[in-house]
């Protein structure tokens, strides 16, 4: 059963370490209590070739909305910017988004800036996003970078549900505060998980789980010499067996996308990047490691730009680095 105090996550799926953190009481307001249980709900709909509209929204502090923007070069695509005027995420905070794109809708959801997760003495912070995309819709969830301060514990979860011929693009960039004036990877625990289902069938379960006190993230099997971790997920199952080449067993459109992304992001100075396809030809994952946030976000933007050109026929808008 989902517990609102834990950001709505199913208690059975809460990582064991975070179950232990949840038992730690706070000196101030209880975890997930008033002012610490943020919620943003948004539903997008589109009629034919008309612009996509925000037809329903609901927000709880610390989220704030000021309407949508119609500046995207993609026809019919609207942009929603989630604002957080509170200055960052603290211990015991539980913030959740529920985004729905109805059939044929096109929408991009982003944030006004990076999300800063402050240092903690007890409990943890949970940032959750639930994305649902109906048939033929296109939905982007591209929040700013997540900056994890020393001693912080942060759980990030993204769940995606897609119908046939829907596309969902998700971005995530981790920036350890150690890249500024603290020891690198001085946080306690960072766990980011992305899961996607197409018509009720799991097509992606990916996680980045870093616990510096238990295992040095600089291990070659983890991030090695790098500090910033970027990920771009492109979910675009066709739901059409005829789209898969019977001779090769591959989706030609998806293979073309991954090849094009790979050609644009490899051999870039300051980063290491790779692209892989998801099971059942359901999409692709781009992973980027770098020394500087600017290098990682620029590379991620390039992958996003290529995804848009092959999916929407236009590149990335100029109003955001990624």
C-alpha atoms as a PDB file:
ATOM      1  CA  UNK A   1       0.000   0.000   0.000  1.00  0.00           C
ATOM      2  CA  UNK A   2       1.263   3.465  -0.849  1.00  0.00           C
ATOM      3  CA  UNK A   3       2.123   5.668   2.114  1.00  0.00           C
ATOM      4  CA  UNK A   4       1.562   9.390   1.499  1.00  0.00           C
ATOM      5  CA  UNK A   5       4.275  10.148   4.039  1.00  0.00           C
ATOM      6  CA  UNK A   6       6.758   8.400   1.802  1.00  0.00           C
ATOM      7  CA  UNK A   7       5.829  10.263  -1.358  1.00  0.00           C
ATOM      8  CA  UNK A   8       3.196   7.749  -2.392  1.00  0.00           C
ATOM      9  CA  UNK A   9       5.690   4.950  -3.043  1.00  0.00           C
ATOM     10  CA  UNK A  10       4.559   1.386  -2.455  1.00  0.00           C
ATOM     11  CA  UNK A  11       6.071   0.424   0.911  1.00  0.00           C
ATOM     12  CA  UNK A  12       6.990  -2.992  -0.486  1.00  0.00           C
ATOM     13  CA  UNK A  13       9.218  -1.285  -3.075  1.00  0.00           C
ATOM     14  CA  UNK A  14      10.977   1.118  -0.727  1.00  0.00           C
ATOM     15  CA  UNK A  15      14.709   0.250  -0.689  1.00  0.00           C
ATOM     16  CA  UNK A  16      15.728  -1.422   2.553  1.00  0.00           C
ATOM     17  CA  UNK A  17      18.166   1.321   3.517  1.00  0.00           C
ATOM     18  CA  UNK A  18      15.439   3.961   3.192  1.00  0.00           C
ATOM     19  CA  UNK A  19      13.106   1.917   5.374  1.00  0.00           C
ATOM     20  CA  UNK A  20      15.724   2.272   8.095  1.00  0.00           C
ATOM     21  CA  UNK A  21      16.094   6.009   7.467  1.00  0.00           C
ATOM     22  CA  UNK A  22      12.302   6.422   7.654  1.00  0.00           C
ATOM     23  CA  UNK A  23      12.347   5.203  11.263  1.00  0.00           C
ATOM     24  CA  UNK A  24      14.427   8.200  12.303  1.00  0.00           C
ATOM     25  CA  UNK A  25      12.275  10.960  13.761  1.00  0.00           C
ATOM     26  CA  UNK A  26      12.816  14.634  13.050  1.00  0.00           C
ATOM     27  CA  UNK A  27      13.141  17.399  15.593  1.00  0.00           C
ATOM     28  CA  UNK A  28      10.879  19.655  13.532  1.00  0.00           C
ATOM     29  CA  UNK A  29       7.756  18.681  11.537  1.00  0.00           C
ATOM     30  CA  UNK A  30       7.293  14.941  10.933  1.00  0.00           C
ATOM     31  CA  UNK A  31       8.467  13.438   7.663  1.00  0.00           C
ATOM     32  CA  UNK A  32       5.873  13.999   4.962  1.00  0.00           C
ATOM     33  CA  UNK A  33       3.883  16.270   7.285  1.00  0.00           C
ATOM     34  CA  UNK A  34       2.394  19.719   6.559  1.00  0.00           C
ATOM     35  CA  UNK A  35       4.723  21.761   4.385  1.00  0.00           C
ATOM     36  CA  UNK A  36       6.873  18.712   3.629  1.00  0.00           C
ATOM     37  CA  UNK A  37       4.513  16.710   1.420  1.00  0.00           C
ATOM     38  CA  UNK A  38       4.573  18.563  -1.903  1.00  0.00           C
ATOM     39  CA  UNK A  39       2.356  17.494  -4.783  1.00  0.00           C
ATOM     40  CA  UNK A  40       1.941  18.595  -8.383  1.00  0.00           C
ATOM     41  CA  UNK A  41      -0.700  17.039 -10.630  1.00  0.00           C
ATOM     42  CA  UNK A  42      -1.113  18.004 -14.281  1.00  0.00           C
ATOM     43  CA  UNK A  43      -3.167  16.608 -17.153  1.00  0.00           C
ATOM     44  CA  UNK A  44      -2.581  17.582 -20.784  1.00  0.00           C
ATOM     45  CA  UNK A  45      -5.034  17.114 -23.665  1.00  0.00           C
ATOM     46  CA  UNK A  46      -5.096  17.963 -27.350  1.00  0.00           C
ATOM     47  CA  UNK A  47      -7.877  18.152 -29.901  1.00  0.00           C
ATOM     48  CA  UNK A  48      -6.661  17.190 -33.362  1.00  0.00           C
ATOM     49  CA  UNK A  49      -3.872  19.476 -34.589  1.00  0.00           C
ATOM     50  CA  UNK A  50      -4.706  22.226 -32.106  1.00  0.00           C
ATOM     51  CA  UNK A  51      -2.242  23.223 -29.366  1.00  0.00           C
ATOM     52  CA  UNK A  52      -1.989  20.991 -26.311  1.00  0.00           C
ATOM     53  CA  UNK A  53      -3.757  22.422 -23.273  1.00  0.00           C
ATOM     54  CA  UNK A  54      -3.309  21.989 -19.538  1.00  0.00           C
ATOM     55  CA  UNK A  55      -6.830  20.844 -18.682  1.00  0.00           C
ATOM     56  CA  UNK A  56      -6.298  20.030 -15.009  1.00  0.00           C
ATOM     57  CA  UNK A  57      -3.732  20.993 -12.393  1.00  0.00           C
ATOM     58  CA  UNK A  58      -3.318  20.823  -8.637  1.00  0.00           C
ATOM     59  CA  UNK A  59      -0.363  21.941  -6.511  1.00  0.00           C
ATOM     60  CA  UNK A  60       0.717  21.765  -2.889  1.00  0.00           C
ATOM     61  CA  UNK A  61       3.628  23.672  -1.340  1.00  0.00           C
ATOM     62  CA  UNK A  62       6.470  23.759  -2.265  1.00  0.00           C
ATOM     63  CA  UNK A  63       5.330  23.507  -5.898  1.00  0.00           C
ATOM     64  CA  UNK A  64       3.949  26.529  -7.709  1.00  0.00           C
ATOM     65  CA  UNK A  65       2.650  26.994 -11.260  1.00  0.00           C
ATOM     66  CA  UNK A  66       2.161  30.107 -13.375  1.00  0.00           C
ATOM     67  CA  UNK A  67       0.574  28.549 -16.443  1.00  0.00           C
ATOM     68  CA  UNK A  68       2.088  27.057 -19.586  1.00  0.00           C
ATOM     69  CA  UNK A  69       4.378  28.362 -22.326  1.00  0.00           C
ATOM     70  CA  UNK A  70       3.670  28.005 -26.050  1.00  0.00           C
ATOM     71  CA  UNK A  71       7.213  28.752 -27.227  1.00  0.00           C
ATOM     72  CA  UNK A  72       8.316  25.260 -28.254  1.00  0.00           C
ATOM     73  CA  UNK A  73       9.166  24.813 -31.955  1.00  0.00           C
ATOM     74  CA  UNK A  74       7.359  21.455 -32.072  1.00  0.00           C
ATOM     75  CA  UNK A  75       3.796  21.879 -33.411  1.00  0.00           C
ATOM     76  CA  UNK A  76       1.165  21.615 -30.690  1.00  0.00           C
ATOM     77  CA  UNK A  77       3.645  21.089 -27.847  1.00  0.00           C
ATOM     78  CA  UNK A  78       3.174  23.027 -24.593  1.00  0.00           C
ATOM     79  CA  UNK A  79       5.676  23.544 -21.762  1.00  0.00           C
ATOM     80  CA  UNK A  80       4.975  23.463 -18.028  1.00  0.00           C
ATOM     81  CA  UNK A  81       7.604  24.799 -15.605  1.00  0.00           C
ATOM     82  CA  UNK A  82       7.322  23.581 -12.014  1.00  0.00           C
ATOM     83  CA  UNK A  83       8.577  26.226  -9.596  1.00  0.00           C
ATOM     84  CA  UNK A  84       9.910  25.591  -6.082  1.00  0.00           C
ATOM     85  CA  UNK A  85      10.289  28.886  -4.202  1.00  0.00           C
ATOM     86  CA  UNK A  86      11.404  27.222  -0.947  1.00  0.00           C
ATOM     87  CA  UNK A  87      15.105  27.061  -1.788  1.00  0.00           C
ATOM     88  CA  UNK A  88      15.649  23.320  -1.812  1.00  0.00           C
ATOM     89  CA  UNK A  89      14.764  19.905  -0.426  1.00  0.00           C
ATOM     90  CA  UNK A  90      15.251  19.151   3.270  1.00  0.00           C
ATOM     91  CA  UNK A  91      15.239  16.042   5.433  1.00  0.00           C
ATOM     92  CA  UNK A  92      11.812  14.442   5.671  1.00  0.00           C
ATOM     93  CA  UNK A  93      10.522  16.091   2.488  1.00  0.00           C
ATOM     94  CA  UNK A  94       8.296  14.004   0.219  1.00  0.00           C
ATOM     95  CA  UNK A  95       7.678  15.642  -3.151  1.00  0.00           C
ATOM     96  CA  UNK A  96       5.618  14.010  -5.896  1.00  0.00           C
ATOM     97  CA  UNK A  97       4.454  14.771  -9.427  1.00  0.00           C
ATOM     98  CA  UNK A  98       1.674  13.014 -11.322  1.00  0.00           C
ATOM     99  CA  UNK A  99       1.700  13.916 -15.024  1.00  0.00           C
ATOM    100  CA  UNK A 100      -0.849  12.613 -17.534  1.00  0.00           C
ATOM    101  CA  UNK A 101      -0.707  13.077 -21.300  1.00  0.00           C
ATOM    102  CA  UNK A 102      -3.967  12.133 -22.972  1.00  0.00           C
ATOM    103  CA  UNK A 103      -4.143  10.639 -26.450  1.00  0.00           C
ATOM    104  CA  UNK A 104      -2.327  12.804 -28.978  1.00  0.00           C
ATOM    105  CA  UNK A 105      -1.114  15.387 -26.456  1.00  0.00           C
ATOM    106  CA  UNK A 106       2.393  16.857 -26.639  1.00  0.00           C
ATOM    107  CA  UNK A 107       3.937  18.308 -23.482  1.00  0.00           C
ATOM    108  CA  UNK A 108       7.213  19.082 -21.795  1.00  0.00           C
ATOM    109  CA  UNK A 109       7.478  19.295 -17.993  1.00  0.00           C
ATOM    110  CA  UNK A 110      10.591  20.880 -16.521  1.00  0.00           C
ATOM    111  CA  UNK A 111      11.751  22.859 -13.495  1.00  0.00           C
ATOM    112  CA  UNK A 112      12.893  26.452 -13.140  1.00  0.00           C
ATOM    113  CA  UNK A 113      16.380  25.439 -11.969  1.00  0.00           C
ATOM    114  CA  UNK A 114      18.411  22.689 -10.361  1.00  0.00           C
ATOM    115  CA  UNK A 115      17.011  20.899  -7.312  1.00  0.00           C
ATOM    116  CA  UNK A 116      19.230  21.283  -4.246  1.00  0.00           C
ATOM    117  CA  UNK A 117      19.035  18.504  -1.666  1.00  0.00           C
ATOM    118  CA  UNK A 118      20.361  19.928   1.607  1.00  0.00           C
ATOM    119  CA  UNK A 119      22.512  18.232   4.242  1.00  0.00           C
ATOM    120  CA  UNK A 120      20.631  16.007   6.685  1.00  0.00           C
ATOM    121  CA  UNK A 121      20.904  14.685  10.215  1.00  0.00           C
ATOM    122  CA  UNK A 122      18.024  12.206  10.091  1.00  0.00           C
ATOM    123  CA  UNK A 123      15.470  10.538   7.805  1.00  0.00           C
ATOM    124  CA  UNK A 124      15.677  11.205   4.031  1.00  0.00           C
ATOM    125  CA  UNK A 125      14.124  13.090   1.102  1.00  0.00           C
ATOM    126  CA  UNK A 126      12.027  11.485  -1.615  1.00  0.00           C
ATOM    127  CA  UNK A 127      11.390  12.959  -5.075  1.00  0.00           C
ATOM    128  CA  UNK A 128       8.829  10.982  -7.055  1.00  0.00           C
ATOM    129  CA  UNK A 129       7.322  11.367 -10.527  1.00  0.00           C
ATOM    130  CA  UNK A 130       4.539   9.256 -12.049  1.00  0.00           C
ATOM    131  CA  UNK A 131       4.137   9.722 -15.800  1.00  0.00           C
ATOM    132  CA  UNK A 132       1.290   8.331 -17.902  1.00  0.00           C
ATOM    133  CA  UNK A 133       1.161   8.641 -21.683  1.00  0.00           C
ATOM    134  CA  UNK A 134      -1.865   7.557 -23.704  1.00  0.00           C
ATOM    135  CA  UNK A 135      -1.808   6.370 -27.310  1.00  0.00           C
ATOM    136  CA  UNK A 136      -0.050   8.696 -29.724  1.00  0.00           C
ATOM    137  CA  UNK A 137       1.054  11.180 -27.071  1.00  0.00           C
ATOM    138  CA  UNK A 138       4.517  12.691 -26.580  1.00  0.00           C
ATOM    139  CA  UNK A 139       5.680  13.607 -23.065  1.00  0.00           C
ATOM    140  CA  UNK A 140       9.008  14.951 -21.847  1.00  0.00           C
ATOM    141  CA  UNK A 141      10.007  15.056 -18.169  1.00  0.00           C
ATOM    142  CA  UNK A 142      13.237  17.049 -18.021  1.00  0.00           C
ATOM    143  CA  UNK A 143      13.890  18.445 -14.539  1.00  0.00           C
ATOM    144  CA  UNK A 144      17.021  20.437 -13.790  1.00  0.00           C
ATOM    145  CA  UNK A 145      20.064  18.785 -12.271  1.00  0.00           C
ATOM    146  CA  UNK A 146      19.849  17.273  -8.781  1.00  0.00           C
ATOM    147  CA  UNK A 147      22.569  18.668  -6.506  1.00  0.00           C
ATOM    148  CA  UNK A 148      23.206  16.405  -3.507  1.00  0.00           C
ATOM    149  CA  UNK A 149      24.886  18.096  -0.548  1.00  0.00           C
ATOM    150  CA  UNK A 150      27.113  16.396   2.010  1.00  0.00           C
ATOM    151  CA  UNK A 151      25.415  13.941   4.411  1.00  0.00           C
ATOM    152  CA  UNK A 152      22.209  14.018   2.332  1.00  0.00           C
ATOM    153  CA  UNK A 153      20.026  10.987   1.652  1.00  0.00           C
ATOM    154  CA  UNK A 154      17.924  11.232  -1.479  1.00  0.00           C
ATOM    155  CA  UNK A 155      15.579   8.744  -3.096  1.00  0.00           C
ATOM    156  CA  UNK A 156      14.404   9.584  -6.627  1.00  0.00           C
ATOM    157  CA  UNK A 157      11.784   7.421  -8.316  1.00  0.00           C
ATOM    158  CA  UNK A 158      10.236   7.794 -11.752  1.00  0.00           C
ATOM    159  CA  UNK A 159       7.501   5.453 -12.957  1.00  0.00           C
ATOM    160  CA  UNK A 160       6.270   5.525 -16.556  1.00  0.00           C
ATOM    161  CA  UNK A 161       3.155   3.936 -18.056  1.00  0.00           C
ATOM    162  CA  UNK A 162       2.826   3.976 -21.841  1.00  0.00           C
ATOM    163  CA  UNK A 163       0.154   2.946 -24.283  1.00  0.00           C
ATOM    164  CA  UNK A 164       0.854   1.994 -27.901  1.00  0.00           C
ATOM    165  CA  UNK A 165       2.656   4.585 -30.043  1.00  0.00           C
ATOM    166  CA  UNK A 166       3.312   6.902 -27.092  1.00  0.00           C
ATOM    167  CA  UNK A 167       6.735   8.449 -26.479  1.00  0.00           C
ATOM    168  CA  UNK A 168       8.128   9.492 -23.105  1.00  0.00           C
ATOM    169  CA  UNK A 169      11.535  11.139 -22.651  1.00  0.00           C
ATOM    170  CA  UNK A 170      13.048  11.366 -19.153  1.00  0.00           C
ATOM    171  CA  UNK A 171      16.279  13.110 -18.117  1.00  0.00           C
ATOM    172  CA  UNK A 172      18.278  12.990 -14.897  1.00  0.00           C
ATOM    173  CA  UNK A 173      21.592  14.608 -13.948  1.00  0.00           C
ATOM    174  CA  UNK A 174      23.319  14.002 -10.609  1.00  0.00           C
ATOM    175  CA  UNK A 175      25.770  16.648  -9.398  1.00  0.00           C
ATOM    176  CA  UNK A 176      27.588  15.851  -6.127  1.00  0.00           C
ATOM    177  CA  UNK A 177      28.152  18.984  -4.049  1.00  0.00           C
ATOM    178  CA  UNK A 178      31.730  17.810  -3.711  1.00  0.00           C
ATOM    179  CA  UNK A 179      32.364  19.385  -7.095  1.00  0.00           C
ATOM    180  CA  UNK A 180      32.314  22.770  -5.373  1.00  0.00           C
ATOM    181  CA  UNK A 181      33.904  23.304  -1.936  1.00  0.00           C
ATOM    182  CA  UNK A 182      33.315  19.962  -0.209  1.00  0.00           C
ATOM    183  CA  UNK A 183      34.856  16.544  -0.488  1.00  0.00           C
ATOM    184  CA  UNK A 184      33.634  14.760  -3.590  1.00  0.00           C
ATOM    185  CA  UNK A 185      30.749  12.358  -2.932  1.00  0.00           C
ATOM    186  CA  UNK A 186      30.255  13.589   0.612  1.00  0.00           C
ATOM    187  CA  UNK A 187      26.554  12.646   0.609  1.00  0.00           C
ATOM    188  CA  UNK A 188      25.270   9.646   2.541  1.00  0.00           C
ATOM    189  CA  UNK A 189      23.045   7.876   0.010  1.00  0.00           C
ATOM    190  CA  UNK A 190      21.647   8.631  -3.444  1.00  0.00           C
ATOM    191  CA  UNK A 191      19.275   6.164  -5.101  1.00  0.00           C
ATOM    192  CA  UNK A 192      17.586   7.005  -8.409  1.00  0.00           C
ATOM    193  CA  UNK A 193      15.276   4.450 -10.018  1.00  0.00           C
ATOM    194  CA  UNK A 194      13.374   4.598 -13.304  1.00  0.00           C
ATOM    195  CA  UNK A 195      10.789   1.977 -14.224  1.00  0.00           C
ATOM    196  CA  UNK A 196       8.605   1.873 -17.324  1.00  0.00           C
ATOM    197  CA  UNK A 197       5.697  -0.322 -18.361  1.00  0.00           C
ATOM    198  CA  UNK A 198       4.108  -0.659 -21.788  1.00  0.00           C
ATOM    199  CA  UNK A 199       0.557  -1.974 -21.698  1.00  0.00           C
ATOM    200  CA  UNK A 200       1.261  -3.495 -18.261  1.00  0.00           C
ATOM    201  CA  UNK A 201       4.537  -5.160 -19.268  1.00  0.00           C
ATOM    202  CA  UNK A 202       7.791  -4.033 -17.664  1.00  0.00           C
ATOM    203  CA  UNK A 203      10.212  -2.725 -20.315  1.00  0.00           C
ATOM    204  CA  UNK A 204      12.737  -0.876 -18.133  1.00  0.00           C
ATOM    205  CA  UNK A 205      14.034  -1.107 -14.558  1.00  0.00           C
ATOM    206  CA  UNK A 206      17.167   0.976 -14.143  1.00  0.00           C
ATOM    207  CA  UNK A 207      18.832   2.321 -11.002  1.00  0.00           C
ATOM    208  CA  UNK A 208      21.782   4.423  -9.915  1.00  0.00           C
ATOM    209  CA  UNK A 209      22.567   3.550  -6.284  1.00  0.00           C
ATOM    210  CA  UNK A 210      25.534   5.356  -4.682  1.00  0.00           C
ATOM    211  CA  UNK A 211      26.542   4.893  -1.017  1.00  0.00           C
ATOM    212  CA  UNK A 212      29.968   6.511  -0.643  1.00  0.00           C
ATOM    213  CA  UNK A 213      30.530   5.296   2.929  1.00  0.00           C
ATOM    214  CA  UNK A 214      30.051   1.682   1.839  1.00  0.00           C
ATOM    215  CA  UNK A 215      31.689   1.778  -1.587  1.00  0.00           C
ATOM    216  CA  UNK A 216      33.730   4.505  -3.213  1.00  0.00           C
ATOM    217  CA  UNK A 217      31.847   5.744  -6.304  1.00  0.00           C
ATOM    218  CA  UNK A 218      35.251   6.377  -7.875  1.00  0.00           C
ATOM    219  CA  UNK A 219      35.582   2.610  -8.249  1.00  0.00           C
ATOM    220  CA  UNK A 220      36.126   1.785 -11.947  1.00  0.00           C
ATOM    221  CA  UNK A 221      32.959  -0.329 -11.872  1.00  0.00           C
ATOM    222  CA  UNK A 222      30.931   2.712 -10.793  1.00  0.00           C
ATOM    223  CA  UNK A 223      31.691   6.250 -12.057  1.00  0.00           C
ATOM    224  CA  UNK A 224      35.473   5.941 -12.042  1.00  0.00           C
ATOM    225  CA  UNK A 225      37.320   9.245 -12.284  1.00  0.00           C
ATOM    226  CA  UNK A 226      34.152  11.204 -13.069  1.00  0.00           C
ATOM    227  CA  UNK A 227      31.780  13.069 -10.789  1.00  0.00           C
ATOM    228  CA  UNK A 228      28.638  14.020 -12.744  1.00  0.00           C
ATOM    229  CA  UNK A 229      26.205  11.334 -13.942  1.00  0.00           C
ATOM    230  CA  UNK A 230      23.642  12.065 -16.650  1.00  0.00           C
ATOM    231  CA  UNK A 231      20.917   9.804 -18.028  1.00  0.00           C
ATOM    232  CA  UNK A 232      18.402  10.175 -20.837  1.00  0.00           C
ATOM    233  CA  UNK A 233      15.630   7.605 -21.275  1.00  0.00           C
ATOM    234  CA  UNK A 234      13.639   7.426 -24.501  1.00  0.00           C
ATOM    235  CA  UNK A 235      10.596   5.176 -24.264  1.00  0.00           C
ATOM    236  CA  UNK A 236       8.840   4.658 -27.600  1.00  0.00           C
ATOM    237  CA  UNK A 237       7.327   1.166 -27.984  1.00  0.00           C
ATOM    238  CA  UNK A 238       5.453   0.801 -31.254  1.00  0.00           C
ATOM    239  CA  UNK A 239       3.001  -1.866 -30.165  1.00  0.00           C
ATOM    240  CA  UNK A 240       3.237  -3.077 -33.755  1.00  0.00           C
ATOM    241  CA  UNK A 241       5.015  -6.338 -34.460  1.00  0.00           C
ATOM    242  CA  UNK A 242       5.226  -5.302 -38.106  1.00  0.00           C
ATOM    243  CA  UNK A 243       7.581  -2.493 -37.114  1.00  0.00           C
ATOM    244  CA  UNK A 244      10.191  -5.077 -36.182  1.00  0.00           C
ATOM    245  CA  UNK A 245      12.224  -6.432 -39.072  1.00  0.00           C
ATOM    246  CA  UNK A 246      11.522 -10.141 -39.255  1.00  0.00           C
ATOM    247  CA  UNK A 247      14.955 -10.934 -40.688  1.00  0.00           C
ATOM    248  CA  UNK A 248      17.034  -9.025 -38.165  1.00  0.00           C
ATOM    249  CA  UNK A 249      14.659  -8.921 -35.186  1.00  0.00           C
ATOM    250  CA  UNK A 250      15.323  -5.204 -34.754  1.00  0.00           C
ATOM    251  CA  UNK A 251      13.243  -2.043 -34.911  1.00  0.00           C
ATOM    252  CA  UNK A 252      14.770  -0.058 -37.779  1.00  0.00           C
ATOM    253  CA  UNK A 253      13.543   3.301 -36.442  1.00  0.00           C
ATOM    254  CA  UNK A 254      14.981   2.627 -32.990  1.00  0.00           C
ATOM    255  CA  UNK A 255      18.261   1.367 -34.418  1.00  0.00           C
ATOM    256  CA  UNK A 256      18.526   4.520 -36.504  1.00  0.00           C
ATOM    257  CA  UNK A 257      17.882   6.671 -33.426  1.00  0.00           C
ATOM    258  CA  UNK A 258      20.505   4.968 -31.264  1.00  0.00           C
ATOM    259  CA  UNK A 259      23.078   5.073 -34.071  1.00  0.00           C
ATOM    260  CA  UNK A 260      22.424   8.767 -34.659  1.00  0.00           C
ATOM    261  CA  UNK A 261      22.655   9.636 -30.946  1.00  0.00           C
ATOM    262  CA  UNK A 262      25.827   7.616 -30.576  1.00  0.00           C
ATOM    263  CA  UNK A 263      27.392   9.358 -33.551  1.00  0.00           C
ATOM    264  CA  UNK A 264      26.732  12.785 -32.045  1.00  0.00           C
ATOM    265  CA  UNK A 265      27.771  12.201 -28.412  1.00  0.00           C
ATOM    266  CA  UNK A 266      30.890  10.048 -28.657  1.00  0.00           C
ATOM    267  CA  UNK A 267      34.417  11.467 -28.726  1.00  0.00           C
ATOM    268  CA  UNK A 268      33.332  14.621 -26.909  1.00  0.00           C
ATOM    269  CA  UNK A 269      35.955  16.216 -24.687  1.00  0.00           C
ATOM    270  CA  UNK A 270      35.456  15.817 -20.927  1.00  0.00           C
ATOM    271  CA  UNK A 271      32.789  13.096 -21.029  1.00  0.00           C
ATOM    272  CA  UNK A 272      32.295   9.394 -21.579  1.00  0.00           C
ATOM    273  CA  UNK A 273      28.941   8.444 -23.103  1.00  0.00           C
ATOM    274  CA  UNK A 274      27.140   5.399 -24.384  1.00  0.00           C
ATOM    275  CA  UNK A 275      23.762   4.331 -25.757  1.00  0.00           C
ATOM    276  CA  UNK A 276      21.913   1.029 -25.309  1.00  0.00           C
ATOM    277  CA  UNK A 277      18.507  -0.257 -26.380  1.00  0.00           C
ATOM    278  CA  UNK A 278      15.800  -1.526 -24.068  1.00  0.00           C
ATOM    279  CA  UNK A 279      14.357  -5.049 -24.141  1.00  0.00           C
ATOM    280  CA  UNK A 280      11.585  -5.718 -26.656  1.00  0.00           C
ATOM    281  CA  UNK A 281      12.681  -2.701 -28.713  1.00  0.00           C
ATOM    282  CA  UNK A 282      10.901  -0.408 -26.263  1.00  0.00           C
ATOM    283  CA  UNK A 283      13.381   2.473 -26.406  1.00  0.00           C
ATOM    284  CA  UNK A 284      16.897   3.502 -25.489  1.00  0.00           C
ATOM    285  CA  UNK A 285      19.031   4.702 -22.562  1.00  0.00           C
ATOM    286  CA  UNK A 286      21.846   7.224 -22.840  1.00  0.00           C
ATOM    287  CA  UNK A 287      24.370   7.347 -19.967  1.00  0.00           C
ATOM    288  CA  UNK A 288      26.910  10.139 -19.643  1.00  0.00           C
ATOM    289  CA  UNK A 289      29.803  10.596 -17.196  1.00  0.00           C
ATOM    290  CA  UNK A 290      31.741  13.839 -16.926  1.00  0.00           C
ATOM    291  CA  UNK A 291      33.903  16.057 -14.758  1.00  0.00           C
ATOM    292  CA  UNK A 292      31.717  19.153 -15.170  1.00  0.00           C
ATOM    293  CA  UNK A 293      27.963  19.621 -15.103  1.00  0.00           C
ATOM    294  CA  UNK A 294      28.131  21.867 -18.175  1.00  0.00           C
ATOM    295  CA  UNK A 295      29.801  19.146 -20.250  1.00  0.00           C
ATOM    296  CA  UNK A 296      27.292  16.488 -19.180  1.00  0.00           C
ATOM    297  CA  UNK A 297      24.210  18.660 -19.720  1.00  0.00           C
ATOM    298  CA  UNK A 298      25.466  19.800 -23.123  1.00  0.00           C
ATOM    299  CA  UNK A 299      25.994  16.183 -24.186  1.00  0.00           C
ATOM    300  CA  UNK A 300      22.583  15.231 -22.828  1.00  0.00           C
ATOM    301  CA  UNK A 301      21.053  18.125 -24.742  1.00  0.00           C
ATOM    302  CA  UNK A 302      22.635  16.802 -27.926  1.00  0.00           C
ATOM    303  CA  UNK A 303      21.056  13.380 -27.370  1.00  0.00           C
ATOM    304  CA  UNK A 304      17.719  15.045 -26.604  1.00  0.00           C
ATOM    305  CA  UNK A 305      18.010  17.190 -29.726  1.00  0.00           C
ATOM    306  CA  UNK A 306      18.587  14.132 -31.921  1.00  0.00           C
ATOM    307  CA  UNK A 307      15.645  12.335 -30.297  1.00  0.00           C
ATOM    308  CA  UNK A 308      13.361  15.267 -31.094  1.00  0.00           C
ATOM    309  CA  UNK A 309      14.550  15.585 -34.676  1.00  0.00           C
ATOM    310  CA  UNK A 310      13.760  11.935 -35.338  1.00  0.00           C
ATOM    311  CA  UNK A 311      10.501  11.905 -33.385  1.00  0.00           C
ATOM    312  CA  UNK A 312       8.983  15.376 -33.833  1.00  0.00           C
ATOM    313  CA  UNK A 313      10.904  16.671 -36.836  1.00  0.00           C
ATOM    314  CA  UNK A 314      12.361  19.641 -34.895  1.00  0.00           C
ATOM    315  CA  UNK A 315      15.311  20.043 -32.549  1.00  0.00           C
ATOM    316  CA  UNK A 316      15.529  21.040 -28.904  1.00  0.00           C
ATOM    317  CA  UNK A 317      14.159  24.495 -27.975  1.00  0.00           C
ATOM    318  CA  UNK A 318      16.563  27.295 -27.140  1.00  0.00           C
ATOM    319  CA  UNK A 319      15.016  28.046 -23.725  1.00  0.00           C
ATOM    320  CA  UNK A 320      16.942  25.344 -21.851  1.00  0.00           C
ATOM    321  CA  UNK A 321      20.360  23.703 -21.924  1.00  0.00           C
ATOM    322  CA  UNK A 322      18.574  20.359 -21.914  1.00  0.00           C
END
